[in-house]
């Protein structure tokens, strides 16, 4: 479910709010978050009417309270006009420019009751974590599905979604605050690890890995039920071409649509997984339409667009997807095991929407 700035402002203008800040939440933040000597700066994402921002000032923080609903910020400014040490900012942290945030970073960043409303959660968390000062902490407070009535579960996360939030951080702790999950994250590891799923069916398997980018050049990856990130894709069926398979799998897994004429085989990768020859056609889809959906929840728990410069700190990535990403953007993931590659195009679209002219396969080369 997607929410607009107008809808959120109407929510607050009508006098509504969200669950009040609980004593257990306050205790956990005070005990486990980074201390704030001499007015360390904190960032409150989705601050609403400002209750948490004001509490953080009582702990010694100077606070940036951020929300994209002007109705929320109007109430925050009015209800806490006497409070010093808070700067109220109107900002969409998922799609907006973060230039207005503090240049010298934050010792504490908190997202309370807001993470479920962010689509590209992992990307946003990586962008925010990059603004933590050394030793700083990122705190996420969210309802969880098992404690939430069915009609309100769109505001909550399940266990697999919680696990995805912690992936890639050096230190992660989880606490309970009256049914809310409180995640304390520190120290992005700055690395990724390639994952395997198990033994494919012998003797050989031929599949397509689909590379799709958005208007900002971010690449689409899905968080699978295996607990790792993957490109859209799957097996190529009998009498089906790789571009046709790519278009079909893209639609089946994400809900996005594309034409076969806009699907271009960049290269064919070949490696061995146990006793199975694994062959992957890397297909670049240069044009697509539609809205991201989750038509196969038994295979994927969510889809997100990721910045290329954050792939190397993303955490677990399915091995063929990692190889495909490197085939399209050489060097984006370093240190992968060798794989045979058979380039099938002389050019790769440098920006979304620029088509590729396919040519005959070139000679084999081995990635290092």
Protein backbone atom coordinates (compact mmCIF):
# COMPACT_ATOMS: atom_id res chain seq x y z
CA UNK A 1 0.00 0.00 0.00
CA UNK A 2 1.45 3.37 -1.04
CA UNK A 3 0.82 6.66 0.73
CA UNK A 4 1.17 10.18 -0.62
CA UNK A 5 2.23 13.34 1.15
CA UNK A 6 -1.29 14.69 0.77
CA UNK A 7 -2.83 11.59 2.38
CA UNK A 8 -0.43 11.73 5.33
CA UNK A 9 -1.04 15.44 5.82
CA UNK A 10 -4.78 14.82 5.89
CA UNK A 11 -4.17 12.09 8.49
CA UNK A 12 -2.48 14.59 10.81
CA UNK A 13 -4.71 17.55 9.95
CA UNK A 14 -7.71 15.49 11.07
CA UNK A 15 -6.20 15.22 14.53
CA UNK A 16 -5.01 11.65 14.25
CA UNK A 17 -1.57 10.36 15.12
CA UNK A 18 0.13 7.07 15.91
CA UNK A 19 0.90 4.92 18.93
CA UNK A 20 2.30 7.04 21.75
CA UNK A 21 5.94 6.62 22.68
CA UNK A 22 6.06 3.96 25.40
CA UNK A 23 8.17 3.85 28.55
CA UNK A 24 9.85 0.62 27.42
CA UNK A 25 10.85 2.27 24.14
CA UNK A 26 12.29 5.21 26.04
CA UNK A 27 14.25 2.91 28.34
CA UNK A 28 15.73 0.90 25.47
CA UNK A 29 16.78 4.02 23.56
CA UNK A 30 18.33 5.57 26.66
CA UNK A 31 20.21 2.36 27.60
CA UNK A 32 21.42 1.14 24.22
CA UNK A 33 21.67 4.09 21.81
CA UNK A 34 24.87 6.05 21.44
CA UNK A 35 25.43 8.51 24.26
CA UNK A 36 25.08 12.17 23.36
CA UNK A 37 27.87 14.12 25.04
CA UNK A 38 27.90 17.83 24.31
CA UNK A 39 24.72 17.74 22.25
CA UNK A 40 25.38 14.95 19.76
CA UNK A 41 23.05 15.17 16.78
CA UNK A 42 20.19 12.68 16.23
CA UNK A 43 17.89 12.13 13.25
CA UNK A 44 14.24 11.17 13.78
CA UNK A 45 12.82 9.80 10.50
CA UNK A 46 9.03 9.94 10.22
CA UNK A 47 8.86 12.17 13.27
CA UNK A 48 5.12 12.80 13.01
CA UNK A 49 4.01 15.28 15.66
CA UNK A 50 7.45 15.18 17.29
CA UNK A 51 7.03 13.18 20.50
CA UNK A 52 10.20 11.12 19.98
CA UNK A 53 12.22 14.11 18.77
CA UNK A 54 11.38 15.99 21.96
CA UNK A 55 12.29 12.96 24.09
CA UNK A 56 15.69 12.76 22.38
CA UNK A 57 16.40 16.38 23.32
CA UNK A 58 15.84 15.38 26.98
CA UNK A 59 18.68 12.86 26.55
CA UNK A 60 21.03 15.62 25.38
CA UNK A 61 20.69 15.27 21.62
CA UNK A 62 20.28 18.05 19.10
CA UNK A 63 17.60 16.64 16.80
CA UNK A 64 16.55 16.84 13.16
CA UNK A 65 12.89 15.78 13.09
CA UNK A 66 12.04 14.70 9.53
CA UNK A 67 8.67 13.94 7.95
CA UNK A 68 7.29 14.29 4.44
CA UNK A 69 3.79 15.24 5.66
CA UNK A 70 3.54 18.99 6.16
CA UNK A 71 0.46 18.43 8.33
CA UNK A 72 2.60 16.49 10.80
CA UNK A 73 5.29 19.15 10.91
CA UNK A 74 2.76 21.95 11.42
CA UNK A 75 1.47 20.16 14.51
CA UNK A 76 5.00 19.41 15.72
CA UNK A 77 6.02 23.06 15.46
CA UNK A 78 2.85 24.21 17.22
CA UNK A 79 2.77 21.59 19.98
CA UNK A 80 6.49 21.89 20.82
CA UNK A 81 7.15 25.56 20.12
CA UNK A 82 8.89 25.97 23.48
CA UNK A 83 11.31 23.07 22.93
CA UNK A 84 14.85 24.01 21.97
CA UNK A 85 17.25 21.81 20.07
CA UNK A 86 14.90 20.49 17.35
CA UNK A 87 15.01 21.40 13.68
CA UNK A 88 11.85 20.33 11.81
CA UNK A 89 12.51 19.30 8.18
CA UNK A 90 10.09 18.47 5.39
CA UNK A 91 11.80 15.66 3.46
CA UNK A 92 10.97 12.43 1.61
CA UNK A 93 13.90 10.23 2.65
CA UNK A 94 13.06 7.54 0.08
CA UNK A 95 12.82 9.72 -3.05
CA UNK A 96 14.07 13.16 -2.06
CA UNK A 97 17.43 14.91 -1.89
CA UNK A 98 19.14 14.31 1.47
CA UNK A 99 21.34 17.41 1.12
CA UNK A 100 19.46 19.22 3.91
CA UNK A 101 20.55 16.65 6.49
CA UNK A 102 23.49 17.45 8.76
CA UNK A 103 26.75 17.44 6.81
CA UNK A 104 28.77 16.11 9.74
CA UNK A 105 26.43 13.15 10.28
CA UNK A 106 24.56 11.77 13.27
CA UNK A 107 25.36 9.70 16.33
CA UNK A 108 21.80 8.32 16.37
CA UNK A 109 19.21 7.73 13.64
CA UNK A 110 15.76 6.45 14.62
CA UNK A 111 12.91 5.20 12.42
CA UNK A 112 9.89 4.65 14.65
CA UNK A 113 6.70 3.16 13.14
CA UNK A 114 7.81 4.26 9.66
CA UNK A 115 9.92 1.50 8.11
CA UNK A 116 6.88 -0.50 6.92
CA UNK A 117 5.82 2.44 4.74
CA UNK A 118 9.17 2.62 2.90
CA UNK A 119 9.31 0.47 -0.23
CA UNK A 120 13.07 0.34 -0.90
CA UNK A 121 13.94 -0.20 2.75
CA UNK A 122 17.40 -1.64 2.31
CA UNK A 123 18.50 1.15 -0.02
CA UNK A 124 17.18 3.81 2.35
CA UNK A 125 18.83 2.21 5.37
CA UNK A 126 22.18 2.03 3.57
CA UNK A 127 21.89 5.72 2.63
CA UNK A 128 21.05 6.65 6.22
CA UNK A 129 23.73 4.40 7.75
CA UNK A 130 26.29 6.16 5.58
CA UNK A 131 25.45 9.32 7.57
CA UNK A 132 26.20 7.73 10.94
CA UNK A 133 29.28 8.99 12.70
CA UNK A 134 31.80 6.43 13.92
CA UNK A 135 30.26 4.40 16.73
CA UNK A 136 26.77 5.68 15.92
CA UNK A 137 23.61 3.59 15.99
CA UNK A 138 20.57 3.15 13.78
CA UNK A 139 17.40 2.20 15.68
CA UNK A 140 14.27 0.79 14.02
CA UNK A 141 11.04 0.43 15.98
CA UNK A 142 8.23 -1.38 14.21
CA UNK A 143 5.14 -3.49 14.78
CA UNK A 144 5.54 -7.16 13.85
CA UNK A 145 2.99 -9.26 11.99
CA UNK A 146 2.44 -11.83 14.73
CA UNK A 147 1.33 -9.10 17.17
CA UNK A 148 -0.81 -7.15 14.69
CA UNK A 149 -4.48 -7.72 13.72
CA UNK A 150 -4.83 -9.02 10.17
CA UNK A 151 -6.53 -5.88 8.89
CA UNK A 152 -3.55 -3.75 10.02
CA UNK A 153 -0.67 -5.99 9.00
CA UNK A 154 0.30 -3.60 6.22
CA UNK A 155 1.89 -1.44 8.93
CA UNK A 156 3.93 -4.35 10.32
CA UNK A 157 6.88 -6.52 9.25
CA UNK A 158 7.27 -10.29 9.39
CA UNK A 159 10.37 -12.16 10.51
CA UNK A 160 11.89 -12.44 7.04
CA UNK A 161 11.50 -8.69 6.52
CA UNK A 162 13.13 -7.98 9.88
CA UNK A 163 16.04 -10.25 8.94
CA UNK A 164 16.53 -8.32 5.69
CA UNK A 165 16.91 -5.08 7.66
CA UNK A 166 19.80 -6.45 9.75
CA UNK A 167 21.66 -8.12 6.88
CA UNK A 168 25.04 -6.52 6.21
CA UNK A 169 25.45 -4.76 9.58
CA UNK A 170 28.37 -5.79 11.78
CA UNK A 171 26.32 -5.62 14.95
CA UNK A 172 22.56 -6.17 15.30
CA UNK A 173 20.49 -6.56 18.46
CA UNK A 174 16.76 -7.02 18.84
CA UNK A 175 14.60 -6.09 21.81
CA UNK A 176 10.88 -6.15 22.59
CA UNK A 177 8.91 -3.09 23.67
CA UNK A 178 5.36 -4.12 24.51
CA UNK A 179 4.98 -6.09 21.27
CA UNK A 180 7.08 -3.75 19.11
CA UNK A 181 10.37 -4.98 17.67
CA UNK A 182 13.29 -2.68 18.43
CA UNK A 183 16.35 -3.24 16.23
CA UNK A 184 19.69 -1.70 17.16
CA UNK A 185 22.12 -1.67 14.21
CA UNK A 186 25.74 -0.56 14.17
CA UNK A 187 28.71 -0.66 11.84
CA UNK A 188 27.75 -1.52 8.24
CA UNK A 189 30.09 -4.36 7.34
CA UNK A 190 30.99 -2.87 3.97
CA UNK A 191 30.97 -6.24 2.27
CA UNK A 192 28.74 -8.80 0.63
CA UNK A 193 28.73 -12.59 0.53
CA UNK A 194 27.74 -14.81 -2.37
CA UNK A 195 25.20 -17.49 -1.45
CA UNK A 196 24.17 -20.80 -2.96
CA UNK A 197 20.77 -22.42 -2.57
CA UNK A 198 21.60 -26.09 -2.89
CA UNK A 199 22.04 -28.66 -5.63
CA UNK A 200 20.20 -28.03 -8.93
CA UNK A 201 18.67 -30.94 -10.76
CA UNK A 202 21.23 -32.63 -13.05
CA UNK A 203 22.54 -32.53 -15.70
CA UNK A 204 22.26 -28.96 -16.90
CA UNK A 205 19.97 -26.01 -16.25
CA UNK A 206 19.49 -23.04 -18.56
CA UNK A 207 18.04 -19.84 -17.13
CA UNK A 208 17.72 -16.11 -17.65
CA UNK A 209 18.82 -13.36 -15.27
CA UNK A 210 16.95 -10.11 -15.92
CA UNK A 211 18.68 -6.76 -15.41
CA UNK A 212 16.20 -3.89 -15.01
CA UNK A 213 16.97 -0.34 -13.86
CA UNK A 214 14.76 2.58 -12.87
CA UNK A 215 14.98 6.20 -13.98
CA UNK A 216 17.83 6.79 -11.51
CA UNK A 217 19.95 3.89 -12.77
CA UNK A 218 19.15 1.69 -9.77
CA UNK A 219 18.98 -2.04 -10.41
CA UNK A 220 15.98 -4.16 -9.38
CA UNK A 221 16.65 -6.97 -6.89
CA UNK A 222 14.28 -9.19 -4.95
CA UNK A 223 14.66 -10.47 -1.41
CA UNK A 224 13.95 -14.18 -1.81
CA UNK A 225 12.55 -16.65 0.71
CA UNK A 226 16.07 -18.14 0.76
CA UNK A 227 17.20 -15.01 2.62
CA UNK A 228 19.29 -13.44 -0.15
CA UNK A 229 19.03 -10.85 -2.94
CA UNK A 230 18.37 -11.98 -6.52
CA UNK A 231 17.72 -10.57 -9.96
CA UNK A 232 14.37 -11.47 -11.53
CA UNK A 233 14.67 -14.59 -13.65
CA UNK A 234 14.28 -18.33 -13.90
CA UNK A 235 14.48 -21.33 -16.15
CA UNK A 236 14.03 -21.02 -19.88
CA UNK A 237 11.20 -23.28 -20.94
CA UNK A 238 11.03 -25.62 -23.94
CA UNK A 239 10.97 -23.73 -27.27
CA UNK A 240 11.39 -20.42 -25.44
CA UNK A 241 14.09 -17.86 -26.24
CA UNK A 242 16.12 -16.21 -23.49
CA UNK A 243 14.57 -12.74 -24.13
CA UNK A 244 11.06 -14.24 -24.06
CA UNK A 245 11.85 -16.08 -20.84
CA UNK A 246 13.22 -12.89 -19.32
CA UNK A 247 10.06 -10.94 -20.16
CA UNK A 248 7.85 -13.74 -18.84
CA UNK A 249 9.78 -14.20 -15.59
CA UNK A 250 9.90 -10.44 -15.01
CA UNK A 251 6.12 -10.27 -15.20
CA UNK A 252 5.50 -13.44 -13.17
CA UNK A 253 7.82 -12.41 -10.35
CA UNK A 254 7.44 -8.61 -10.19
CA UNK A 255 4.28 -7.66 -12.11
CA UNK A 256 6.29 -5.45 -14.50
CA UNK A 257 5.72 -5.83 -18.25
CA UNK A 258 8.13 -5.51 -21.15
CA UNK A 259 8.32 -6.34 -24.86
CA UNK A 260 10.62 -9.05 -26.14
CA UNK A 261 12.08 -6.50 -28.59
CA UNK A 262 13.32 -4.53 -25.56
CA UNK A 263 15.05 -7.55 -24.00
CA UNK A 264 18.68 -7.99 -25.10
CA UNK A 265 21.07 -10.82 -24.28
CA UNK A 266 24.27 -9.18 -23.04
CA UNK A 267 26.23 -12.34 -22.37
CA UNK A 268 25.80 -16.01 -21.51
CA UNK A 269 27.45 -17.22 -18.31
CA UNK A 270 28.47 -20.81 -17.68
CA UNK A 271 29.66 -22.32 -14.40
CA UNK A 272 29.35 -25.60 -12.56
CA UNK A 273 27.17 -26.09 -9.50
CA UNK A 274 28.12 -29.51 -8.11
CA UNK A 275 27.52 -31.94 -11.01
CA UNK A 276 25.22 -29.59 -12.91
CA UNK A 277 26.21 -27.32 -15.77
CA UNK A 278 24.58 -23.98 -14.98
CA UNK A 279 24.05 -21.69 -17.97
CA UNK A 280 22.63 -18.20 -17.48
CA UNK A 281 21.62 -15.75 -20.20
CA UNK A 282 22.06 -12.22 -18.85
CA UNK A 283 19.20 -10.21 -20.37
CA UNK A 284 19.09 -6.42 -20.20
CA UNK A 285 15.52 -5.07 -20.40
CA UNK A 286 15.79 -1.51 -21.66
CA UNK A 287 12.11 -0.54 -21.37
CA UNK A 288 9.38 -1.68 -18.98
CA UNK A 289 6.05 -0.57 -17.58
CA UNK A 290 3.81 -1.16 -14.61
CA UNK A 291 4.05 -1.07 -10.82
CA UNK A 292 6.09 -3.44 -8.67
CA UNK A 293 3.97 -6.15 -7.09
CA UNK A 294 4.55 -9.44 -5.27
CA UNK A 295 2.73 -12.08 -7.37
CA UNK A 296 4.92 -14.94 -6.07
CA UNK A 297 5.20 -14.44 -2.29
CA UNK A 298 6.31 -18.07 -1.91
CA UNK A 299 9.52 -17.13 -3.78
CA UNK A 300 10.08 -13.44 -2.92
CA UNK A 301 9.18 -11.30 0.07
CA UNK A 302 9.87 -7.91 -1.55
CA UNK A 303 11.42 -6.06 -4.50
CA UNK A 304 13.68 -3.00 -4.28
CA UNK A 305 15.76 -0.82 -6.61
CA UNK A 306 19.39 -0.56 -5.44
CA UNK A 307 22.15 1.93 -6.20
CA UNK A 308 25.08 0.28 -7.98
CA UNK A 309 27.61 1.70 -5.53
CA UNK A 310 25.88 -0.07 -2.63
CA UNK A 311 25.77 -3.57 -4.11
CA UNK A 312 29.11 -4.46 -2.53
CA UNK A 313 27.69 -3.84 0.97
CA UNK A 314 24.29 -5.42 0.36
CA UNK A 315 24.88 -8.70 2.19
CA UNK A 316 23.86 -12.06 0.73
CA UNK A 317 23.54 -12.15 -3.09
CA UNK A 318 22.60 -15.25 -5.13
CA UNK A 319 25.72 -16.38 -7.02
CA UNK A 320 24.33 -16.25 -10.62
CA UNK A 321 22.83 -12.82 -9.90
CA UNK A 322 26.19 -11.57 -8.62
CA UNK A 323 27.91 -12.85 -11.76
CA UNK A 324 25.24 -11.27 -13.98
CA UNK A 325 25.57 -7.88 -12.25
CA UNK A 326 29.33 -7.99 -12.78
CA UNK A 327 28.84 -8.92 -16.44
CA UNK A 328 26.77 -5.78 -17.01
CA UNK A 329 28.80 -3.47 -14.74
CA UNK A 330 32.35 -4.86 -14.54
CA UNK A 331 33.97 -4.35 -11.16
CA UNK A 332 30.76 -3.61 -9.25
CA UNK A 333 31.30 -6.79 -7.19
CA UNK A 334 34.93 -7.73 -6.71
CA UNK A 335 36.44 -11.13 -5.94
CA UNK A 336 33.84 -13.41 -7.55
CA UNK A 337 34.88 -16.95 -8.47
CA UNK A 338 35.79 -17.57 -12.14
CA UNK A 339 32.97 -18.11 -14.61
CA UNK A 340 32.91 -18.65 -18.38
CA UNK A 341 31.27 -15.76 -20.20
CA UNK A 342 30.21 -15.58 -23.83
CA UNK A 343 29.42 -11.94 -24.72
CA UNK A 344 26.55 -11.55 -27.16
CA UNK A 345 26.49 -7.76 -27.53
CA UNK A 346 29.05 -5.13 -28.43
CA UNK A 347 27.49 -2.49 -26.17
CA UNK A 348 25.62 -2.29 -22.88
CA UNK A 349 23.02 0.49 -22.35
CA UNK A 350 24.77 3.07 -20.14
CA UNK A 351 21.45 4.54 -18.97
CA UNK A 352 17.92 3.14 -18.59
CA UNK A 353 15.91 3.23 -21.78
CA UNK A 354 18.78 3.03 -24.26
CA UNK A 355 18.38 -0.16 -26.33
CA UNK A 356 21.12 -2.64 -27.10
CA UNK A 357 21.94 -3.81 -30.60
CA UNK A 358 22.60 -7.56 -30.31
CA UNK A 359 25.29 -9.24 -32.39
CA UNK A 360 26.69 -12.71 -32.76
CA UNK A 361 28.43 -14.28 -29.77
CA UNK A 362 32.07 -13.30 -29.33
CA UNK A 363 34.89 -15.52 -28.13
CA UNK A 364 34.91 -17.01 -24.69
CA UNK A 365 36.60 -15.21 -21.81
CA UNK A 366 36.97 -15.98 -18.13
CA UNK A 367 36.10 -13.42 -15.43
CA UNK A 368 38.55 -12.98 -12.63
